[in-house]
Amino acid sequence: MPDFTEGWYNLGAAASRLAVEAAGRSDDQAALAFFREGVDAKRRADQLIREGRWLIYGPTEQAQVTADLAEALADADDVLANEPALLIALRLHASRQD
């Protein structure tokens, strides 16, 4: 899926959800791995968007995806650098989904 923008975006979203679920089970290593995978996938989607590569999303969806990615990636490096705080945030998010 090297150039499938929407696929990378959806992979990032799915990995983020899996990170929350893993944190809810106190599986810290899986939570961190899924979160990193999600960030990497979102970065790939963002790169493809900057290259103008859209396959199926229309203008309205494109605007929403672009905004979502900007928010998700704004402080990703700082978040990844503080794993204890990240795990706390993921656990809190998981507890709110119950």
PDB file of N, CA and C in Angstrom:
ATOM      1  N   MET A   1       0.832  -1.185   0.000  1.00  0.00           N
ATOM      2  CA  MET A   1       0.000   0.000   0.000  1.00  0.00           C
ATOM      3  C   MET A   1       0.877   1.248   0.000  1.00  0.00           C
ATOM      4  N   PRO A   2       1.951   1.289  -0.751  1.00  0.00           N
ATOM      5  CA  PRO A   2       2.901   2.394  -0.668  1.00  0.00           C
ATOM      6  C   PRO A   2       2.313   3.778  -0.964  1.00  0.00           C
ATOM      7  N   ASP A   3       1.356   3.881  -1.860  1.00  0.00           N
ATOM      8  CA  ASP A   3       0.842   5.202  -2.237  1.00  0.00           C
ATOM      9  C   ASP A   3      -0.646   5.373  -1.962  1.00  0.00           C
ATOM     10  N   PHE A   4      -1.194   4.602  -1.085  1.00  0.00           N
ATOM     11  CA  PHE A   4      -2.623   4.654  -0.786  1.00  0.00           C
ATOM     12  C   PHE A   4      -2.843   5.511   0.457  1.00  0.00           C
ATOM     13  N   THR A   5      -3.014   6.798   0.243  1.00  0.00           N
ATOM     14  CA  THR A   5      -3.139   7.762   1.333  1.00  0.00           C
ATOM     15  C   THR A   5      -4.187   7.353   2.347  1.00  0.00           C
ATOM     16  N   GLU A   6      -5.362   7.031   1.846  1.00  0.00           N
ATOM     17  CA  GLU A   6      -6.470   6.698   2.738  1.00  0.00           C
ATOM     18  C   GLU A   6      -6.165   5.433   3.542  1.00  0.00           C
ATOM     19  N   GLY A   7      -5.470   4.495   2.941  1.00  0.00           N
ATOM     20  CA  GLY A   7      -5.086   3.279   3.651  1.00  0.00           C
ATOM     21  C   GLY A   7      -4.140   3.569   4.801  1.00  0.00           C
ATOM     22  N   TRP A   8      -3.161   4.419   4.562  1.00  0.00           N
ATOM     23  CA  TRP A   8      -2.215   4.785   5.622  1.00  0.00           C
ATOM     24  C   TRP A   8      -2.929   5.534   6.745  1.00  0.00           C
ATOM     25  N   TYR A   9      -3.846   6.425   6.354  1.00  0.00           N
ATOM     26  CA  TYR A   9      -4.597   7.176   7.363  1.00  0.00           C
ATOM     27  C   TYR A   9      -5.426   6.227   8.234  1.00  0.00           C
ATOM     28  N   ASN A  10      -6.126   5.303   7.591  1.00  0.00           N
ATOM     29  CA  ASN A  10      -6.957   4.358   8.338  1.00  0.00           C
ATOM     30  C   ASN A  10      -6.119   3.395   9.173  1.00  0.00           C
ATOM     31  N   LEU A  11      -4.956   2.997   8.668  1.00  0.00           N
ATOM     32  CA  LEU A  11      -4.054   2.159   9.450  1.00  0.00           C
ATOM     33  C   LEU A  11      -3.608   2.902  10.711  1.00  0.00           C
ATOM     34  N   GLY A  12      -3.298   4.175  10.565  1.00  0.00           N
ATOM     35  CA  GLY A  12      -2.914   4.977  11.725  1.00  0.00           C
ATOM     36  C   GLY A  12      -4.020   5.070  12.749  1.00  0.00           C
ATOM     37  N   ALA A  13      -5.246   5.267  12.280  1.00  0.00           N
ATOM     38  CA  ALA A  13      -6.386   5.348  13.196  1.00  0.00           C
ATOM     39  C   ALA A  13      -6.620   4.010  13.899  1.00  0.00           C
ATOM     40  N   ALA A  14      -6.520   2.920  13.156  1.00  0.00           N
ATOM     41  CA  ALA A  14      -6.728   1.591  13.750  1.00  0.00           C
ATOM     42  C   ALA A  14      -5.639   1.275  14.776  1.00  0.00           C
ATOM     43  N   ALA A  15      -4.395   1.583  14.450  1.00  0.00           N
ATOM     44  CA  ALA A  15      -3.300   1.321  15.380  1.00  0.00           C
ATOM     45  C   ALA A  15      -3.473   2.147  16.654  1.00  0.00           C
ATOM     46  N   SER A  16      -3.965   3.361  16.521  1.00  0.00           N
ATOM     47  CA  SER A  16      -4.207   4.198  17.702  1.00  0.00           C
ATOM     48  C   SER A  16      -5.274   3.578  18.596  1.00  0.00           C
ATOM     49  N   ARG A  17      -6.337   3.057  17.979  1.00  0.00           N
ATOM     50  CA  ARG A  17      -7.382   2.390  18.769  1.00  0.00           C
ATOM     51  C   ARG A  17      -6.824   1.139  19.465  1.00  0.00           C
ATOM     52  N   LEU A  18      -5.987   0.393  18.753  1.00  0.00           N
ATOM     53  CA  LEU A  18      -5.375  -0.796  19.359  1.00  0.00           C
ATOM     54  C   LEU A  18      -4.458  -0.411  20.519  1.00  0.00           C
ATOM     55  N   ALA A  19      -3.785   0.725  20.421  1.00  0.00           N
ATOM     56  CA  ALA A  19      -2.935   1.202  21.517  1.00  0.00           C
ATOM     57  C   ALA A  19      -3.772   1.460  22.765  1.00  0.00           C
ATOM     58  N   VAL A  20      -4.921   2.079  22.586  1.00  0.00           N
ATOM     59  CA  VAL A  20      -5.812   2.357  23.720  1.00  0.00           C
ATOM     60  C   VAL A  20      -6.304   1.043  24.337  1.00  0.00           C
ATOM     61  N   GLU A  21      -6.715   0.103  23.489  1.00  0.00           N
ATOM     62  CA  GLU A  21      -7.196  -1.182  23.998  1.00  0.00           C
ATOM     63  C   GLU A  21      -6.098  -1.924  24.764  1.00  0.00           C
ATOM     64  N   ALA A  22      -4.883  -1.918  24.229  1.00  0.00           N
ATOM     65  CA  ALA A  22      -3.768  -2.589  24.903  1.00  0.00           C
ATOM     66  C   ALA A  22      -3.472  -1.920  26.245  1.00  0.00           C
ATOM     67  N   ALA A  23      -3.513  -0.612  26.273  1.00  0.00           N
ATOM     68  CA  ALA A  23      -3.279   0.106  27.535  1.00  0.00           C
ATOM     69  C   ALA A  23      -4.355  -0.239  28.554  1.00  0.00           C
ATOM     70  N   GLY A  24      -5.574  -0.388  28.086  1.00  0.00           N
ATOM     71  CA  GLY A  24      -6.669  -0.772  28.980  1.00  0.00           C
ATOM     72  C   GLY A  24      -6.468  -2.148  29.594  1.00  0.00           C
ATOM     73  N   ARG A  25      -5.726  -3.001  28.913  1.00  0.00           N
ATOM     74  CA  ARG A  25      -5.389  -4.338  29.430  1.00  0.00           C
ATOM     75  C   ARG A  25      -4.066  -4.321  30.194  1.00  0.00           C
ATOM     76  N   SER A  26      -3.476  -3.146  30.349  1.00  0.00           N
ATOM     77  CA  SER A  26      -2.164  -2.969  30.990  1.00  0.00           C
ATOM     78  C   SER A  26      -1.050  -3.685  30.238  1.00  0.00           C
ATOM     79  N   ASP A  27      -1.200  -3.816  28.938  1.00  0.00           N
ATOM     80  CA  ASP A  27      -0.148  -4.392  28.092  1.00  0.00           C
ATOM     81  C   ASP A  27       0.666  -3.225  27.533  1.00  0.00           C
ATOM     82  N   ASP A  28       1.566  -2.724  28.373  1.00  0.00           N
ATOM     83  CA  ASP A  28       2.307  -1.507  28.055  1.00  0.00           C
ATOM     84  C   ASP A  28       3.123  -1.622  26.772  1.00  0.00           C
ATOM     85  N   GLN A  29       3.809  -2.726  26.599  1.00  0.00           N
ATOM     86  CA  GLN A  29       4.655  -2.866  25.400  1.00  0.00           C
ATOM     87  C   GLN A  29       3.821  -2.839  24.128  1.00  0.00           C
ATOM     88  N   ALA A  30       2.699  -3.535  24.126  1.00  0.00           N
ATOM     89  CA  ALA A  30       1.828  -3.523  22.945  1.00  0.00           C
ATOM     90  C   ALA A  30       1.241  -2.132  22.724  1.00  0.00           C
ATOM     91  N   ALA A  31       0.842  -1.469  23.804  1.00  0.00           N
ATOM     92  CA  ALA A  31       0.271  -0.129  23.688  1.00  0.00           C
ATOM     93  C   ALA A  31       1.270   0.830  23.037  1.00  0.00           C
ATOM     94  N   LEU A  32       2.511   0.792  23.511  1.00  0.00           N
ATOM     95  CA  LEU A  32       3.538   1.671  22.944  1.00  0.00           C
ATOM     96  C   LEU A  32       3.842   1.313  21.493  1.00  0.00           C
ATOM     97  N   ALA A  33       3.912   0.027  21.204  1.00  0.00           N
ATOM     98  CA  ALA A  33       4.196  -0.402  19.827  1.00  0.00           C
ATOM     99  C   ALA A  33       3.075   0.012  18.882  1.00  0.00           C
ATOM    100  N   PHE A  34       1.836  -0.187  19.291  1.00  0.00           N
ATOM    101  CA  PHE A  34       0.709   0.222  18.445  1.00  0.00           C
ATOM    102  C   PHE A  34       0.681   1.738  18.265  1.00  0.00           C
ATOM    103  N   PHE A  35       0.973   2.474  19.346  1.00  0.00           N
ATOM    104  CA  PHE A  35       0.963   3.931  19.230  1.00  0.00           C
ATOM    105  C   PHE A  35       2.024   4.401  18.234  1.00  0.00           C
ATOM    106  N   ARG A  36       3.230   3.830  18.346  1.00  0.00           N
ATOM    107  CA  ARG A  36       4.302   4.189  17.399  1.00  0.00           C
ATOM    108  C   ARG A  36       3.901   3.843  15.961  1.00  0.00           C
ATOM    109  N   GLU A  37       3.315   2.667  15.786  1.00  0.00           N
ATOM    110  CA  GLU A  37       2.862   2.262  14.452  1.00  0.00           C
ATOM    111  C   GLU A  37       1.824   3.246  13.914  1.00  0.00           C
ATOM    112  N   GLY A  38       0.935   3.679  14.780  1.00  0.00           N
ATOM    113  CA  GLY A  38      -0.078   4.648  14.370  1.00  0.00           C
ATOM    114  C   GLY A  38       0.533   5.968  13.936  1.00  0.00           C
ATOM    115  N   VAL A  39       1.503   6.451  14.700  1.00  0.00           N
ATOM    116  CA  VAL A  39       2.171   7.706  14.342  1.00  0.00           C
ATOM    117  C   VAL A  39       2.908   7.556  13.010  1.00  0.00           C
ATOM    118  N   ASP A  40       3.600   6.442  12.842  1.00  0.00           N
ATOM    119  CA  ASP A  40       4.323   6.218  11.582  1.00  0.00           C
ATOM    120  C   ASP A  40       3.367   6.191  10.390  1.00  0.00           C
ATOM    121  N   ALA A  41       2.247   5.516  10.537  1.00  0.00           N
ATOM    122  CA  ALA A  41       1.271   5.436   9.445  1.00  0.00           C
ATOM    123  C   ALA A  41       0.679   6.813   9.151  1.00  0.00           C
ATOM    124  N   LYS A  42       0.394   7.574  10.195  1.00  0.00           N
ATOM    125  CA  LYS A  42      -0.149   8.919   9.996  1.00  0.00           C
ATOM    126  C   LYS A  42       0.874   9.827   9.331  1.00  0.00           C
ATOM    127  N   ARG A  43       2.130   9.660   9.677  1.00  0.00           N
ATOM    128  CA  ARG A  43       3.176  10.447   9.006  1.00  0.00           C
ATOM    129  C   ARG A  43       3.254  10.110   7.520  1.00  0.00           C
ATOM    130  N   ARG A  44       3.114   8.821   7.186  1.00  0.00           N
ATOM    131  CA  ARG A  44       3.137   8.419   5.770  1.00  0.00           C
ATOM    132  C   ARG A  44       1.936   9.012   5.046  1.00  0.00           C
ATOM    133  N   ALA A  45       0.767   8.978   5.669  1.00  0.00           N
ATOM    134  CA  ALA A  45      -0.419   9.583   5.056  1.00  0.00           C
ATOM    135  C   ALA A  45      -0.199  11.073   4.842  1.00  0.00           C
ATOM    136  N   ASP A  46       0.347  11.740   5.845  1.00  0.00           N
ATOM    137  CA  ASP A  46       0.612  13.173   5.732  1.00  0.00           C
ATOM    138  C   ASP A  46       1.573  13.470   4.584  1.00  0.00           C
ATOM    139  N   GLN A  47       2.602  12.657   4.449  1.00  0.00           N
ATOM    140  CA  GLN A  47       3.567  12.835   3.351  1.00  0.00           C
ATOM    141  C   GLN A  47       2.865  12.691   1.997  1.00  0.00           C
ATOM    142  N   LEU A  48       2.023  11.687   1.866  1.00  0.00           N
ATOM    143  CA  LEU A  48       1.316  11.478   0.599  1.00  0.00           C
ATOM    144  C   LEU A  48       0.352  12.620   0.306  1.00  0.00           C
ATOM    145  N   ILE A  49      -0.279  13.144   1.341  1.00  0.00           N
ATOM    146  CA  ILE A  49      -1.180  14.285   1.159  1.00  0.00           C
ATOM    147  C   ILE A  49      -0.400  15.487   0.643  1.00  0.00           C
ATOM    148  N   ARG A  50       0.764  15.711   1.207  1.00  0.00           N
ATOM    149  CA  ARG A  50       1.591  16.843   0.758  1.00  0.00           C
ATOM    150  C   ARG A  50       2.014  16.679  -0.705  1.00  0.00           C
ATOM    151  N   GLU A  51       2.051  15.428  -1.169  1.00  0.00           N
ATOM    152  CA  GLU A  51       2.364  15.154  -2.569  1.00  0.00           C
ATOM    153  C   GLU A  51       1.114  15.189  -3.449  1.00  0.00           C
ATOM    154  N   GLY A  52      -0.053  15.427  -2.833  1.00  0.00           N
ATOM    155  CA  GLY A  52      -1.290  15.521  -3.586  1.00  0.00           C
ATOM    156  C   GLY A  52      -1.880  14.189  -4.004  1.00  0.00           C
ATOM    157  N   ARG A  53      -1.576  13.146  -3.276  1.00  0.00           N
ATOM    158  CA  ARG A  53      -2.033  11.796  -3.654  1.00  0.00           C
ATOM    159  C   ARG A  53      -3.283  11.395  -2.877  1.00  0.00           C
ATOM    160  N   TRP A  54      -4.402  11.591  -3.492  1.00  0.00           N
ATOM    161  CA  TRP A  54      -5.688  11.151  -2.956  1.00  0.00           C
ATOM    162  C   TRP A  54      -6.285  10.185  -3.965  1.00  0.00           C
ATOM    163  N   LEU A  55      -6.919   9.151  -3.482  1.00  0.00           N
ATOM    164  CA  LEU A  55      -7.535   8.199  -4.389  1.00  0.00           C
ATOM    165  C   LEU A  55      -9.054   8.229  -4.330  1.00  0.00           C
ATOM    166  N   ILE A  56      -9.608   8.227  -3.131  1.00  0.00           N
ATOM    167  CA  ILE A  56     -11.062   8.094  -3.037  1.00  0.00           C
ATOM    168  C   ILE A  56     -11.751   9.202  -2.247  1.00  0.00           C
ATOM    169  N   TYR A  57     -11.073   9.852  -1.344  1.00  0.00           N
ATOM    170  CA  TYR A  57     -11.722  10.872  -0.527  1.00  0.00           C
ATOM    171  C   TYR A  57     -11.994  12.129  -1.351  1.00  0.00           C
ATOM    172  N   GLY A  58     -13.184  12.690  -1.148  1.00  0.00           N
ATOM    173  CA  GLY A  58     -13.544  13.950  -1.792  1.00  0.00           C
ATOM    174  C   GLY A  58     -13.027  15.129  -0.985  1.00  0.00           C
ATOM    175  N   PRO A  59     -13.282  16.347  -1.467  1.00  0.00           N
ATOM    176  CA  PRO A  59     -12.755  17.558  -0.821  1.00  0.00           C
ATOM    177  C   PRO A  59     -13.134  17.698   0.658  1.00  0.00           C
ATOM    178  N   THR A  60     -14.367  17.388   1.021  1.00  0.00           N
ATOM    179  CA  THR A  60     -14.783  17.520   2.416  1.00  0.00           C
ATOM    180  C   THR A  60     -14.035  16.537   3.299  1.00  0.00           C
ATOM    181  N   GLU A  61     -13.947  15.282   2.859  1.00  0.00           N
ATOM    182  CA  GLU A  61     -13.216  14.280   3.621  1.00  0.00           C
ATOM    183  C   GLU A  61     -11.732  14.625   3.689  1.00  0.00           C
ATOM    184  N   GLN A  62     -11.184  15.141   2.597  1.00  0.00           N
ATOM    185  CA  GLN A  62      -9.776  15.516   2.568  1.00  0.00           C
ATOM    186  C   GLN A  62      -9.475  16.585   3.612  1.00  0.00           C
ATOM    187  N   ALA A  63     -10.356  17.559   3.720  1.00  0.00           N
ATOM    188  CA  ALA A  63     -10.154  18.634   4.701  1.00  0.00           C
ATOM    189  C   ALA A  63     -10.178  18.078   6.121  1.00  0.00           C
ATOM    190  N   GLN A  64     -11.094  17.155   6.391  1.00  0.00           N
ATOM    191  CA  GLN A  64     -11.192  16.560   7.724  1.00  0.00           C
ATOM    192  C   GLN A  64      -9.955  15.723   8.045  1.00  0.00           C
ATOM    193  N   VAL A  65      -9.522  14.912   7.088  1.00  0.00           N
ATOM    194  CA  VAL A  65      -8.338  14.074   7.288  1.00  0.00           C
ATOM    195  C   VAL A  65      -7.106  14.940   7.518  1.00  0.00           C
ATOM    196  N   THR A  66      -6.954  15.979   6.726  1.00  0.00           N
ATOM    197  CA  THR A  66      -5.810  16.869   6.871  1.00  0.00           C
ATOM    198  C   THR A  66      -5.794  17.524   8.251  1.00  0.00           C
ATOM    199  N   ALA A  67      -6.955  17.963   8.727  1.00  0.00           N
ATOM    200  CA  ALA A  67      -7.046  18.566  10.059  1.00  0.00           C
ATOM    201  C   ALA A  67      -6.744  17.537  11.148  1.00  0.00           C
ATOM    202  N   ASP A  68      -7.288  16.331  11.005  1.00  0.00           N
ATOM    203  CA  ASP A  68      -7.031  15.273  11.988  1.00  0.00           C
ATOM    204  C   ASP A  68      -5.545  14.949  12.075  1.00  0.00           C
ATOM    205  N   LEU A  69      -4.904  14.836  10.922  1.00  0.00           N
ATOM    206  CA  LEU A  69      -3.480  14.517  10.907  1.00  0.00           C
ATOM    207  C   LEU A  69      -2.646  15.641  11.513  1.00  0.00           C
ATOM    208  N   ALA A  70      -2.990  16.872  11.213  1.00  0.00           N
ATOM    209  CA  ALA A  70      -2.246  18.006  11.777  1.00  0.00           C
ATOM    210  C   ALA A  70      -2.313  17.972  13.306  1.00  0.00           C
ATOM    211  N   GLU A  71      -3.489  17.691  13.838  1.00  0.00           N
ATOM    212  CA  GLU A  71      -3.659  17.626  15.294  1.00  0.00           C
ATOM    213  C   GLU A  71      -2.893  16.440  15.877  1.00  0.00           C
ATOM    214  N   ALA A  72      -2.997  15.276  15.225  1.00  0.00           N
ATOM    215  CA  ALA A  72      -2.357  14.066  15.739  1.00  0.00           C
ATOM    216  C   ALA A  72      -0.839  14.149  15.708  1.00  0.00           C
ATOM    217  N   LEU A  73      -0.304  14.820  14.705  1.00  0.00           N
ATOM    218  CA  LEU A  73       1.148  14.840  14.531  1.00  0.00           C
ATOM    219  C   LEU A  73       1.827  16.064  15.122  1.00  0.00           C
ATOM    220  N   ALA A  74       1.053  17.034  15.587  1.00  0.00           N
ATOM    221  CA  ALA A  74       1.614  18.291  16.078  1.00  0.00           C
ATOM    222  C   ALA A  74       2.655  18.088  17.170  1.00  0.00           C
ATOM    223  N   ASP A  75       2.378  17.213  18.094  1.00  0.00           N
ATOM    224  CA  ASP A  75       3.311  16.993  19.205  1.00  0.00           C
ATOM    225  C   ASP A  75       3.682  15.520  19.362  1.00  0.00           C
ATOM    226  N   ALA A  76       3.609  14.779  18.276  1.00  0.00           N
ATOM    227  CA  ALA A  76       3.858  13.329  18.332  1.00  0.00           C
ATOM    228  C   ALA A  76       5.236  12.993  18.888  1.00  0.00           C
ATOM    229  N   ASP A  77       6.251  13.725  18.475  1.00  0.00           N
ATOM    230  CA  ASP A  77       7.606  13.426  18.961  1.00  0.00           C
ATOM    231  C   ASP A  77       7.721  13.650  20.467  1.00  0.00           C
ATOM    232  N   ASP A  78       7.119  14.721  20.957  1.00  0.00           N
ATOM    233  CA  ASP A  78       7.151  14.984  22.399  1.00  0.00           C
ATOM    234  C   ASP A  78       6.392  13.908  23.169  1.00  0.00           C
ATOM    235  N   VAL A  79       5.253  13.497  22.644  1.00  0.00           N
ATOM    236  CA  VAL A  79       4.460  12.454  23.293  1.00  0.00           C
ATOM    237  C   VAL A  79       5.236  11.148  23.337  1.00  0.00           C
ATOM    238  N   LEU A  80       5.839  10.779  22.217  1.00  0.00           N
ATOM    239  CA  LEU A  80       6.608   9.527  22.162  1.00  0.00           C
ATOM    240  C   LEU A  80       7.831   9.555  23.080  1.00  0.00           C
ATOM    241  N   ALA A  81       8.352  10.734  23.328  1.00  0.00           N
ATOM    242  CA  ALA A  81       9.542  10.864  24.181  1.00  0.00           C
ATOM    243  C   ALA A  81       9.223  10.665  25.663  1.00  0.00           C
ATOM    244  N   ASN A  82       7.953  10.757  26.031  1.00  0.00           N
ATOM    245  CA  ASN A  82       7.561  10.615  27.432  1.00  0.00           C
ATOM    246  C   ASN A  82       6.616   9.416  27.569  1.00  0.00           C
ATOM    247  N   GLU A  83       7.179   8.217  27.526  1.00  0.00           N
ATOM    248  CA  GLU A  83       6.378   6.998  27.539  1.00  0.00           C
ATOM    249  C   GLU A  83       5.504   6.852  28.788  1.00  0.00           C
ATOM    250  N   PRO A  84       5.999   7.188  29.999  1.00  0.00           N
ATOM    251  CA  PRO A  84       5.120   7.055  31.168  1.00  0.00           C
ATOM    252  C   PRO A  84       3.862   7.920  31.055  1.00  0.00           C
ATOM    253  N   ALA A  85       4.022   9.146  30.601  1.00  0.00           N
ATOM    254  CA  ALA A  85       2.859  10.023  30.445  1.00  0.00           C
ATOM    255  C   ALA A  85       1.943   9.520  29.331  1.00  0.00           C
ATOM    256  N   LEU A  86       2.532   9.004  28.260  1.00  0.00           N
ATOM    257  CA  LEU A  86       1.738   8.448  27.161  1.00  0.00           C
ATOM    258  C   LEU A  86       0.889   7.284  27.660  1.00  0.00           C
ATOM    259  N   LEU A  87       1.488   6.387  28.427  1.00  0.00           N
ATOM    260  CA  LEU A  87       0.740   5.237  28.937  1.00  0.00           C
ATOM    261  C   LEU A  87      -0.397   5.678  29.856  1.00  0.00           C
ATOM    262  N   ILE A  88      -0.157   6.680  30.669  1.00  0.00           N
ATOM    263  CA  ILE A  88      -1.223   7.200  31.535  1.00  0.00           C
ATOM    264  C   ILE A  88      -2.367   7.744  30.681  1.00  0.00           C
ATOM    265  N   ALA A  89      -2.027   8.517  29.660  1.00  0.00           N
ATOM    266  CA  ALA A  89      -3.060   9.081  28.785  1.00  0.00           C
ATOM    267  C   ALA A  89      -3.844   7.985  28.062  1.00  0.00           C
ATOM    268  N   LEU A  90      -3.138   6.967  27.591  1.00  0.00           N
ATOM    269  CA  LEU A  90      -3.822   5.863  26.907  1.00  0.00           C
ATOM    270  C   LEU A  90      -4.746   5.112  27.859  1.00  0.00           C
ATOM    271  N   ARG A  91      -4.295   4.900  29.088  1.00  0.00           N
ATOM    272  CA  ARG A  91      -5.146   4.211  30.073  1.00  0.00           C
ATOM    273  C   ARG A  91      -6.381   5.039  30.421  1.00  0.00           C
ATOM    274  N   LEU A  92      -6.192   6.342  30.568  1.00  0.00           N
ATOM    275  CA  LEU A  92      -7.343   7.210  30.840  1.00  0.00           C
ATOM    276  C   LEU A  92      -8.344   7.157  29.695  1.00  0.00           C
ATOM    277  N   HIS A  93      -7.838   7.194  28.495  1.00  0.00           N
ATOM    278  CA  HIS A  93      -8.715   7.106  27.322  1.00  0.00           C
ATOM    279  C   HIS A  93      -9.455   5.777  27.305  1.00  0.00           C
ATOM    280  N   ALA A  94      -8.753   4.698  27.623  1.00  0.00           N
ATOM    281  CA  ALA A  94      -9.384   3.372  27.652  1.00  0.00           C
ATOM    282  C   ALA A  94     -10.474   3.316  28.718  1.00  0.00           C
ATOM    283  N   SER A  95     -10.219   3.930  29.879  1.00  0.00           N
ATOM    284  CA  SER A  95     -11.217   3.875  30.956  1.00  0.00           C
ATOM    285  C   SER A  95     -12.469   4.662  30.601  1.00  0.00           C
ATOM    286  N   ARG A  96     -12.354   5.642  29.751  1.00  0.00           N
ATOM    287  CA  ARG A  96     -13.508   6.441  29.323  1.00  0.00           C
ATOM    288  C   ARG A  96     -14.346   5.722  28.275  1.00  0.00           C
ATOM    289  N   GLN A  97     -13.778   4.693  27.654  1.00  0.00           N
ATOM    290  CA  GLN A  97     -14.505   3.965  26.637  1.00  0.00           C
ATOM    291  C   GLN A  97     -15.353   2.844  27.207  1.00  0.00           C
ATOM    292  N   ASP A  98     -15.128   2.510  28.462  1.00  0.00           N
ATOM    293  CA  ASP A  98     -15.885   1.410  29.080  1.00  0.00           C
ATOM    294  C   ASP A  98     -17.315   1.766  29.337  1.00  0.00           C
TER     295      ASP A  98
END
